[in-house]
């Protein structure tokens, strides 16, 4: 018996020695974060992520993905393409041993895309190492406070000149507060709204030195940002009205042609229910308005969810029962459109304001000629129906209102505009 045990032991030793050279050489960062981690956004985008996630020690060394190239990485201009790239990243993190992630855009043109990455990154396998990124994008990521969240290093970055940032701000995760009086406590969104105002004032002082926000302007801007964040809390977690959000913004000076151009970018992200899902729990009166509009266009090629999302843009549409009963609320998105039309006024082609909303499977691209809601009378609600007549009985333009192939578990709002001293001064002088 002793000989048999010795023989088996010797056999195991020999087999181990033969197999040593074939063992995968796992990167240390990957081994250090080798356990699966749930993430609401990642699992919402990829519902089978848990089933497809391969434990690190079982990943085959031959299954090495080389690289992912992020180009046109922008929900504002390329929403489905950007979603596809994020899904590709999630595929890699489930199976890869070693990969590179390249950021090949010359500039960061949509902060919302980077907010989505940051929301997931700390829960993903550490399969990505190194990769390309231009210095202008490095500056933005550093200034926004996202470098550490995205586990990046910029050893050659010397400064963040020509970038004026509102670093990422986030609310605590959905449902993480147990305080019964949480709605009566100081709300982080109010502090964030005030800080956003200060940042916008700094942008105006830099891009148009003779202009600044009045006290009334600061109050209005703070109200707009506060309502956007409040809507994110209420709509993304409809039952408890306790959703999470993140936001960030920056202005960058770029030389275009022979002129300095100050391009501003803002992003807002909430994870949870989409706008259409949230409206499904609205008061009966609001749901009746939504259904009436959807019933007008049963064969337009646009889903009811996306048509419902379009209705959510109009003044007076809210899922808050008290606000609906008192005919108040539901003006946040139209206020945002007015804001970027005022600040981003321009007569230069290629510098017009643009905004995109991605929510669930719905996408709405807001830009010329559909950039501002109109009132039927002085005190009427602002409406924007994305057709030449601005008429709800006419189907919306499917180039601007359409369905996505991928469902996003929440809502993204990305917007951009240019601060032009000459155009702003022309408006001020005309009003005078």
Protein backbone atom coordinates (compact mmCIF):
# COMPACT_ATOMS: atom_id res chain seq x y z
CA UNK A 1 0.00 0.00 0.00
CA UNK A 2 2.87 2.32 0.79
CA UNK A 3 4.33 1.73 -2.67
CA UNK A 4 0.98 2.54 -4.34
CA UNK A 5 0.67 5.80 -2.40
CA UNK A 6 4.24 6.70 -3.29
CA UNK A 7 3.59 5.96 -6.96
CA UNK A 8 0.47 8.12 -7.04
CA UNK A 9 2.31 10.95 -5.31
CA UNK A 10 5.15 10.69 -7.82
CA UNK A 11 2.69 10.64 -10.73
CA UNK A 12 0.95 13.80 -9.49
CA UNK A 13 4.31 15.53 -9.08
CA UNK A 14 5.38 14.64 -12.63
CA UNK A 15 2.06 15.76 -14.13
CA UNK A 16 2.25 19.07 -12.29
CA UNK A 17 5.76 19.67 -13.58
CA UNK A 18 4.60 19.04 -17.17
CA UNK A 19 1.59 21.36 -16.84
CA UNK A 20 3.39 24.28 -15.21
CA UNK A 21 4.43 25.81 -18.51
CA UNK A 22 0.82 25.86 -19.74
CA UNK A 23 -0.63 27.75 -16.81
CA UNK A 24 -2.08 31.13 -17.75
CA UNK A 25 -0.05 34.09 -16.59
CA UNK A 26 -2.85 36.19 -15.12
CA UNK A 27 -2.20 39.92 -14.63
CA UNK A 28 -2.03 40.80 -10.93
CA UNK A 29 -4.83 43.44 -11.13
CA UNK A 30 -7.12 40.78 -12.61
CA UNK A 31 -6.33 38.32 -9.82
CA UNK A 32 -6.75 41.03 -7.18
CA UNK A 33 -10.32 41.65 -8.35
CA UNK A 34 -11.21 38.11 -9.33
CA UNK A 35 -14.68 37.85 -7.81
CA UNK A 36 -17.89 38.63 -9.63
CA UNK A 37 -19.51 41.90 -8.54
CA UNK A 38 -23.09 42.86 -9.20
CA UNK A 39 -23.72 46.23 -10.82
CA UNK A 40 -27.20 47.53 -11.54
CA UNK A 41 -26.20 49.31 -14.73
CA UNK A 42 -23.96 46.54 -16.13
CA UNK A 43 -26.53 43.82 -15.39
CA UNK A 44 -29.32 45.98 -16.80
CA UNK A 45 -27.43 46.36 -20.08
CA UNK A 46 -26.43 42.70 -20.12
CA UNK A 47 -29.12 40.70 -18.26
CA UNK A 48 -27.21 37.40 -18.65
CA UNK A 49 -23.94 38.86 -17.35
CA UNK A 50 -23.89 36.68 -14.22
CA UNK A 51 -24.43 33.50 -16.21
CA UNK A 52 -21.78 34.39 -18.79
CA UNK A 53 -19.16 35.64 -16.33
CA UNK A 54 -16.28 33.15 -16.20
CA UNK A 55 -14.29 32.94 -12.94
CA UNK A 56 -10.80 34.33 -13.48
CA UNK A 57 -8.93 31.09 -12.71
CA UNK A 58 -11.05 29.22 -15.27
CA UNK A 59 -10.44 31.65 -18.12
CA UNK A 60 -8.52 30.02 -20.93
CA UNK A 61 -5.14 31.63 -21.72
CA UNK A 62 -5.83 31.35 -25.44
CA UNK A 63 -8.98 33.44 -25.08
CA UNK A 64 -7.19 36.77 -25.21
CA UNK A 65 -8.98 39.72 -26.73
CA UNK A 66 -6.63 42.22 -28.21
CA UNK A 67 -8.37 45.55 -28.05
CA UNK A 68 -11.51 47.67 -28.14
CA UNK A 69 -11.39 50.96 -29.99
CA UNK A 70 -13.75 53.67 -28.74
CA UNK A 71 -14.37 56.14 -31.52
CA UNK A 72 -17.37 58.45 -31.90
CA UNK A 73 -17.94 57.68 -28.23
CA UNK A 74 -20.92 59.95 -27.73
CA UNK A 75 -24.56 59.43 -26.81
CA UNK A 76 -25.28 62.92 -28.14
CA UNK A 77 -24.40 62.05 -31.74
CA UNK A 78 -24.00 58.25 -31.87
CA UNK A 79 -26.28 56.68 -29.24
CA UNK A 80 -26.64 53.12 -30.59
CA UNK A 81 -22.98 52.89 -31.61
CA UNK A 82 -21.93 54.00 -28.11
CA UNK A 83 -24.24 51.45 -26.48
CA UNK A 84 -22.73 48.75 -28.71
CA UNK A 85 -19.23 49.68 -27.58
CA UNK A 86 -20.26 49.51 -23.92
CA UNK A 87 -21.78 46.06 -24.52
CA UNK A 88 -18.50 45.03 -26.13
CA UNK A 89 -16.65 46.12 -22.97
CA UNK A 90 -19.04 44.00 -20.88
CA UNK A 91 -18.43 40.99 -23.16
CA UNK A 92 -14.69 41.35 -22.67
CA UNK A 93 -14.89 41.64 -18.88
CA UNK A 94 -16.85 38.37 -18.68
CA UNK A 95 -14.25 36.28 -20.55
CA UNK A 96 -10.99 38.07 -21.29
CA UNK A 97 -7.64 37.65 -19.58
CA UNK A 98 -5.89 40.69 -21.00
CA UNK A 99 -7.14 43.49 -23.26
CA UNK A 100 -6.53 47.09 -24.22
CA UNK A 101 -9.08 49.89 -24.38
CA UNK A 102 -8.29 52.70 -26.80
CA UNK A 103 -9.97 56.11 -26.78
CA UNK A 104 -9.39 57.27 -30.36
CA UNK A 105 -11.54 60.42 -30.47
CA UNK A 106 -9.51 63.60 -30.65
CA UNK A 107 -11.69 65.27 -27.99
CA UNK A 108 -14.21 64.27 -25.37
CA UNK A 109 -17.48 65.34 -26.97
CA UNK A 110 -19.98 63.83 -24.51
CA UNK A 111 -19.41 63.64 -20.77
CA UNK A 112 -22.45 61.34 -20.33
CA UNK A 113 -20.63 58.44 -22.05
CA UNK A 114 -17.85 58.67 -19.47
CA UNK A 115 -20.37 58.84 -16.61
CA UNK A 116 -21.76 55.50 -17.81
CA UNK A 117 -18.28 53.95 -17.83
CA UNK A 118 -17.55 55.30 -14.34
CA UNK A 119 -20.84 53.94 -13.01
CA UNK A 120 -19.80 50.39 -13.93
CA UNK A 121 -16.04 50.35 -13.84
CA UNK A 122 -15.30 49.43 -10.23
CA UNK A 123 -17.54 46.34 -10.55
CA UNK A 124 -15.87 45.01 -13.71
CA UNK A 125 -13.02 42.51 -14.00
CA UNK A 126 -9.64 44.22 -14.34
CA UNK A 127 -8.98 42.86 -17.80
CA UNK A 128 -8.12 46.19 -19.44
CA UNK A 129 -4.56 47.44 -19.22
CA UNK A 130 -2.91 50.39 -20.93
CA UNK A 131 -4.41 51.69 -24.19
CA UNK A 132 -4.37 54.95 -26.13
CA UNK A 133 -5.95 58.23 -25.08
CA UNK A 134 -5.33 61.68 -26.50
CA UNK A 135 -4.06 64.43 -24.21
CA UNK A 136 -7.26 66.54 -24.60
CA UNK A 137 -9.35 63.60 -23.34
CA UNK A 138 -6.85 62.92 -20.55
CA UNK A 139 -7.26 66.51 -19.39
CA UNK A 140 -11.04 66.20 -19.28
CA UNK A 141 -11.00 62.86 -17.44
CA UNK A 142 -8.54 64.27 -14.90
CA UNK A 143 -10.46 67.53 -14.42
CA UNK A 144 -13.77 65.70 -13.97
CA UNK A 145 -12.28 63.54 -11.20
CA UNK A 146 -12.88 60.35 -13.20
CA UNK A 147 -9.29 59.13 -13.57
CA UNK A 148 -9.26 57.20 -10.31
CA UNK A 149 -12.79 55.82 -10.81
CA UNK A 150 -11.72 54.53 -14.22
CA UNK A 151 -8.46 53.09 -12.80
CA UNK A 152 -6.31 55.14 -15.19
CA UNK A 153 -2.82 56.62 -14.95
CA UNK A 154 -1.63 59.65 -16.90
CA UNK A 155 2.10 59.82 -16.15
CA UNK A 156 2.81 62.32 -18.92
CA UNK A 157 -0.05 64.71 -18.18
CA UNK A 158 1.38 68.02 -16.97
CA UNK A 159 -1.72 70.21 -16.58
CA UNK A 160 -5.41 70.59 -17.34
CA UNK A 161 -5.10 73.98 -19.04
CA UNK A 162 -8.06 75.14 -21.14
CA UNK A 163 -10.49 72.84 -19.33
CA UNK A 164 -12.91 74.28 -16.74
CA UNK A 165 -14.72 71.40 -15.08
CA UNK A 166 -17.62 70.70 -12.80
CA UNK A 167 -16.29 67.40 -11.37
CA UNK A 168 -18.54 64.40 -11.10
CA UNK A 169 -21.16 64.53 -8.35
CA UNK A 170 -23.27 61.54 -7.36
CA UNK A 171 -26.15 60.78 -5.05
CA UNK A 172 -25.95 57.79 -2.74
CA UNK A 173 -27.12 54.45 -4.23
CA UNK A 174 -30.84 53.82 -4.56
CA UNK A 175 -32.49 52.71 -1.33
CA UNK A 176 -29.30 52.96 0.74
CA UNK A 177 -30.75 55.46 3.23
CA UNK A 178 -32.80 54.04 6.09
CA UNK A 179 -33.77 57.42 7.55
CA UNK A 180 -37.54 57.82 7.78
CA UNK A 181 -37.18 61.58 7.32
CA UNK A 182 -34.74 61.44 4.42
CA UNK A 183 -36.86 63.84 2.34
CA UNK A 184 -36.64 66.44 5.13
CA UNK A 185 -32.87 66.23 5.44
CA UNK A 186 -30.59 68.61 3.49
CA UNK A 187 -30.61 67.31 -0.07
CA UNK A 188 -27.36 66.94 -1.98
CA UNK A 189 -29.08 68.04 -5.19
CA UNK A 190 -29.55 71.55 -3.74
CA UNK A 191 -25.84 71.83 -2.98
CA UNK A 192 -24.96 70.44 -6.41
CA UNK A 193 -27.30 72.94 -8.11
CA UNK A 194 -25.62 75.85 -6.31
CA UNK A 195 -22.16 74.58 -7.25
CA UNK A 196 -23.31 74.17 -10.86
CA UNK A 197 -24.34 77.85 -10.87
CA UNK A 198 -20.90 78.90 -9.68
CA UNK A 199 -19.31 76.83 -12.43
CA UNK A 200 -21.51 78.37 -15.13
CA UNK A 201 -20.61 81.83 -13.83
CA UNK A 202 -16.95 80.89 -14.15
CA UNK A 203 -17.52 79.72 -17.72
CA UNK A 204 -19.20 83.00 -18.65
CA UNK A 205 -16.43 84.99 -17.01
CA UNK A 206 -13.85 83.04 -19.02
CA UNK A 207 -15.58 82.87 -22.40
CA UNK A 208 -17.40 86.24 -22.32
CA UNK A 209 -15.64 88.47 -19.80
CA UNK A 210 -18.28 91.21 -19.83
CA UNK A 211 -21.14 88.88 -18.92
CA UNK A 212 -22.21 87.13 -15.73
CA UNK A 213 -25.36 85.61 -14.27
CA UNK A 214 -27.68 87.95 -12.46
CA UNK A 215 -29.11 86.88 -9.10
CA UNK A 216 -32.33 86.03 -10.92
CA UNK A 217 -30.37 84.06 -13.50
CA UNK A 218 -28.52 82.11 -10.82
CA UNK A 219 -31.77 81.30 -9.10
CA UNK A 220 -33.37 80.13 -12.36
CA UNK A 221 -30.38 77.99 -13.32
CA UNK A 222 -30.23 76.41 -9.86
CA UNK A 223 -33.95 75.64 -10.12
CA UNK A 224 -33.45 73.93 -13.52
CA UNK A 225 -30.57 71.75 -12.34
CA UNK A 226 -32.33 70.99 -9.06
CA UNK A 227 -35.48 69.85 -10.86
CA UNK A 228 -33.50 67.64 -13.25
CA UNK A 229 -31.83 65.88 -10.31
CA UNK A 230 -35.09 65.72 -8.37
CA UNK A 231 -36.78 64.11 -11.38
CA UNK A 232 -33.95 61.56 -11.55
CA UNK A 233 -34.52 60.64 -7.89
CA UNK A 234 -38.28 60.34 -8.30
CA UNK A 235 -38.54 58.71 -11.72
CA UNK A 236 -35.68 56.19 -11.64
CA UNK A 237 -37.04 54.65 -8.41
CA UNK A 238 -40.74 55.38 -8.77
CA UNK A 239 -42.14 53.44 -5.77
CA UNK A 240 -39.83 55.02 -3.18
CA UNK A 241 -38.84 58.22 -5.03
CA UNK A 242 -35.31 57.47 -3.85
CA UNK A 243 -33.27 56.94 -7.01
CA UNK A 244 -29.62 57.72 -7.60
CA UNK A 245 -27.98 60.02 -10.14
CA UNK A 246 -24.61 61.33 -11.25
CA UNK A 247 -23.69 64.45 -13.18
CA UNK A 248 -20.61 66.22 -14.50
CA UNK A 249 -19.80 69.04 -16.91
CA UNK A 250 -16.89 70.86 -18.47
CA UNK A 251 -16.00 73.69 -20.82
CA UNK A 252 -12.97 73.35 -23.09
CA UNK A 253 -11.25 75.99 -25.19
CA UNK A 254 -10.39 74.74 -28.66
CA UNK A 255 -8.93 76.44 -31.69
CA UNK A 256 -11.26 76.00 -34.66
CA UNK A 257 -10.13 77.71 -37.81
CA UNK A 258 -8.42 80.82 -36.52
CA UNK A 259 -10.70 81.40 -33.52
CA UNK A 260 -10.88 80.26 -29.92
CA UNK A 261 -14.12 78.35 -29.36
CA UNK A 262 -15.49 77.54 -25.90
CA UNK A 263 -17.46 74.30 -26.08
CA UNK A 264 -19.58 73.32 -23.07
CA UNK A 265 -20.70 69.78 -22.25
CA UNK A 266 -23.10 68.55 -19.56
CA UNK A 267 -24.16 65.02 -18.69
CA UNK A 268 -26.82 63.54 -16.40
CA UNK A 269 -27.27 59.86 -15.60
CA UNK A 270 -29.85 57.96 -13.57
CA UNK A 271 -30.07 54.18 -13.31
CA UNK A 272 -33.37 52.36 -12.80
CA UNK A 273 -36.75 52.95 -14.42
CA UNK A 274 -36.94 54.62 -17.82
CA UNK A 275 -39.12 57.67 -18.46
CA UNK A 276 -41.76 55.49 -20.15
CA UNK A 277 -41.77 53.01 -17.25
CA UNK A 278 -42.08 55.85 -14.77
CA UNK A 279 -44.98 57.46 -16.66
CA UNK A 280 -46.81 54.12 -16.51
CA UNK A 281 -47.26 54.83 -12.77
CA UNK A 282 -48.39 58.45 -13.24
CA UNK A 283 -51.84 59.74 -12.19
CA UNK A 284 -54.77 58.65 -14.36
CA UNK A 285 -55.06 62.09 -15.97
CA UNK A 286 -51.42 62.02 -17.14
CA UNK A 287 -51.65 58.41 -18.34
CA UNK A 288 -54.74 59.34 -20.34
CA UNK A 289 -52.78 62.11 -22.10
CA UNK A 290 -49.95 59.71 -22.87
CA UNK A 291 -52.30 57.02 -24.21
CA UNK A 292 -54.23 59.54 -26.29
CA UNK A 293 -51.03 60.64 -28.04
CA UNK A 294 -49.78 57.07 -28.57
CA UNK A 295 -53.15 56.02 -30.00
CA UNK A 296 -52.83 58.75 -32.66
CA UNK A 297 -49.79 57.05 -34.18
CA UNK A 298 -50.19 53.25 -34.08
CA UNK A 299 -48.43 52.66 -37.41
CA UNK A 300 -45.69 55.30 -37.43
CA UNK A 301 -42.90 52.77 -36.83
CA UNK A 302 -42.09 54.15 -33.37
CA UNK A 303 -42.89 52.14 -30.25
CA UNK A 304 -45.38 53.29 -27.63
CA UNK A 305 -42.55 53.54 -25.09
CA UNK A 306 -40.68 56.02 -27.29
CA UNK A 307 -43.85 57.98 -28.02
CA UNK A 308 -44.48 58.06 -24.25
CA UNK A 309 -40.93 59.37 -23.72
CA UNK A 310 -41.66 62.15 -26.20
CA UNK A 311 -44.80 63.08 -24.25
CA UNK A 312 -42.63 63.30 -21.11
CA UNK A 313 -40.76 66.24 -22.69
CA UNK A 314 -43.85 68.43 -22.80
CA UNK A 315 -44.76 70.95 -20.11
CA UNK A 316 -47.16 69.69 -17.46
CA UNK A 317 -46.31 66.00 -17.80
CA UNK A 318 -45.32 64.61 -14.42
CA UNK A 319 -45.75 61.37 -12.49
CA UNK A 320 -45.99 63.32 -9.21
CA UNK A 321 -49.66 63.13 -8.21
CA UNK A 322 -49.62 66.28 -6.07
CA UNK A 323 -47.92 68.31 -8.81
CA UNK A 324 -50.37 67.03 -11.43
CA UNK A 325 -53.39 67.81 -9.22
CA UNK A 326 -52.20 71.40 -8.76
CA UNK A 327 -51.14 71.78 -12.41
CA UNK A 328 -47.52 72.45 -11.53
CA UNK A 329 -44.29 70.59 -12.22
CA UNK A 330 -43.25 68.80 -15.38
CA UNK A 331 -41.33 71.75 -16.85
CA UNK A 332 -37.74 70.68 -16.26
CA UNK A 333 -36.81 69.47 -19.74
CA UNK A 334 -38.38 72.43 -21.52
CA UNK A 335 -36.48 74.73 -19.15
CA UNK A 336 -33.25 72.97 -20.13
CA UNK A 337 -34.04 73.56 -23.81
CA UNK A 338 -34.66 77.25 -23.17
CA UNK A 339 -31.41 77.48 -21.21
CA UNK A 340 -29.19 76.00 -23.93
CA UNK A 341 -30.96 78.11 -26.58
CA UNK A 342 -30.15 81.26 -24.61
CA UNK A 343 -26.59 80.38 -23.62
CA UNK A 344 -25.75 78.61 -26.87
CA UNK A 345 -27.12 81.24 -29.24
CA UNK A 346 -24.99 81.21 -32.39
CA UNK A 347 -24.97 82.18 -36.04
CA UNK A 348 -22.08 79.87 -36.89
CA UNK A 349 -22.73 76.53 -38.53
CA UNK A 350 -21.56 73.53 -36.51
CA UNK A 351 -21.90 75.34 -33.20
CA UNK A 352 -25.65 74.93 -32.62
CA UNK A 353 -26.79 73.41 -29.30
CA UNK A 354 -27.51 69.68 -29.30
CA UNK A 355 -29.09 67.44 -26.70
CA UNK A 356 -29.91 63.74 -26.70
CA UNK A 357 -32.07 61.73 -24.30
CA UNK A 358 -31.61 57.97 -24.07
CA UNK A 359 -34.11 56.22 -21.82
CA UNK A 360 -34.93 52.53 -21.98
CA UNK A 361 -35.13 51.68 -25.69
CA UNK A 362 -36.05 55.25 -26.58
CA UNK A 363 -33.86 57.96 -28.10
CA UNK A 364 -34.77 61.59 -28.73
CA UNK A 365 -32.23 63.78 -30.53
CA UNK A 366 -32.93 67.46 -29.87
CA UNK A 367 -31.28 69.83 -32.33
CA UNK A 368 -32.16 72.20 -35.16
CA UNK A 369 -34.82 72.44 -36.45
CA UNK A 370 -36.40 70.87 -33.34
CA UNK A 371 -34.61 72.67 -30.55
CA UNK A 372 -37.16 74.65 -28.60
CA UNK A 373 -40.72 74.16 -27.40
CA UNK A 374 -43.39 76.66 -28.45
CA UNK A 375 -46.50 77.98 -26.69
CA UNK A 376 -49.88 78.25 -28.38
CA UNK A 377 -50.56 81.34 -26.28
CA UNK A 378 -48.67 83.47 -23.77
CA UNK A 379 -49.49 81.30 -20.75
CA UNK A 380 -49.85 77.97 -22.50
CA UNK A 381 -47.56 74.97 -22.00
CA UNK A 382 -44.44 74.63 -24.15
CA UNK A 383 -44.65 71.71 -26.55
CA UNK A 384 -42.19 70.20 -29.01
CA UNK A 385 -43.63 67.43 -31.23
CA UNK A 386 -40.74 67.05 -33.69
CA UNK A 387 -42.61 67.85 -36.87
CA UNK A 388 -42.81 70.98 -39.00
CA UNK A 389 -46.30 71.85 -37.77
CA UNK A 390 -45.43 71.18 -34.10
CA UNK A 391 -48.72 69.32 -34.05
CA UNK A 392 -49.38 66.26 -31.85
CA UNK A 393 -51.69 64.79 -34.49
CA UNK A 394 -48.73 64.52 -36.88
CA UNK A 395 -46.20 61.72 -36.26
CA UNK A 396 -42.76 62.83 -35.08
CA UNK A 397 -39.77 62.85 -37.43
CA UNK A 398 -38.20 59.41 -37.10
CA UNK A 399 -34.71 60.84 -37.69
CA UNK A 400 -35.01 62.54 -34.30
CA UNK A 401 -37.38 60.27 -32.36
CA UNK A 402 -36.65 56.55 -32.70
CA UNK A 403 -36.22 53.19 -30.99
CA UNK A 404 -32.87 51.75 -29.99
CA UNK A 405 -31.80 48.12 -30.44
CA UNK A 406 -30.51 48.03 -26.84
CA UNK A 407 -32.44 48.80 -23.68
CA UNK A 408 -30.66 51.22 -21.36
CA UNK A 409 -31.67 50.65 -17.70
CA UNK A 410 -32.35 54.27 -16.82
CA UNK A 411 -31.96 57.67 -18.47
CA UNK A 412 -29.06 59.56 -20.01
CA UNK A 413 -29.18 63.26 -20.88
CA UNK A 414 -26.20 64.61 -22.77
CA UNK A 415 -26.01 68.15 -24.10
CA UNK A 416 -23.49 70.49 -25.65
CA UNK A 417 -23.40 74.15 -26.73
CA UNK A 418 -20.88 76.89 -27.48
CA UNK A 419 -20.44 80.02 -25.38
CA UNK A 420 -19.81 82.82 -27.88
CA UNK A 421 -19.11 86.29 -26.54
CA UNK A 422 -20.04 87.95 -29.84
CA UNK A 423 -23.39 86.16 -30.15
CA UNK A 424 -24.30 86.65 -26.47
CA UNK A 425 -23.43 90.36 -26.63
CA UNK A 426 -25.53 90.75 -29.78
CA UNK A 427 -28.54 89.34 -27.91
CA UNK A 428 -27.91 91.60 -24.91
CA UNK A 429 -27.54 94.70 -27.08
CA UNK A 430 -30.70 93.81 -29.03
CA UNK A 431 -32.68 93.48 -25.78
CA UNK A 432 -31.31 96.83 -24.57
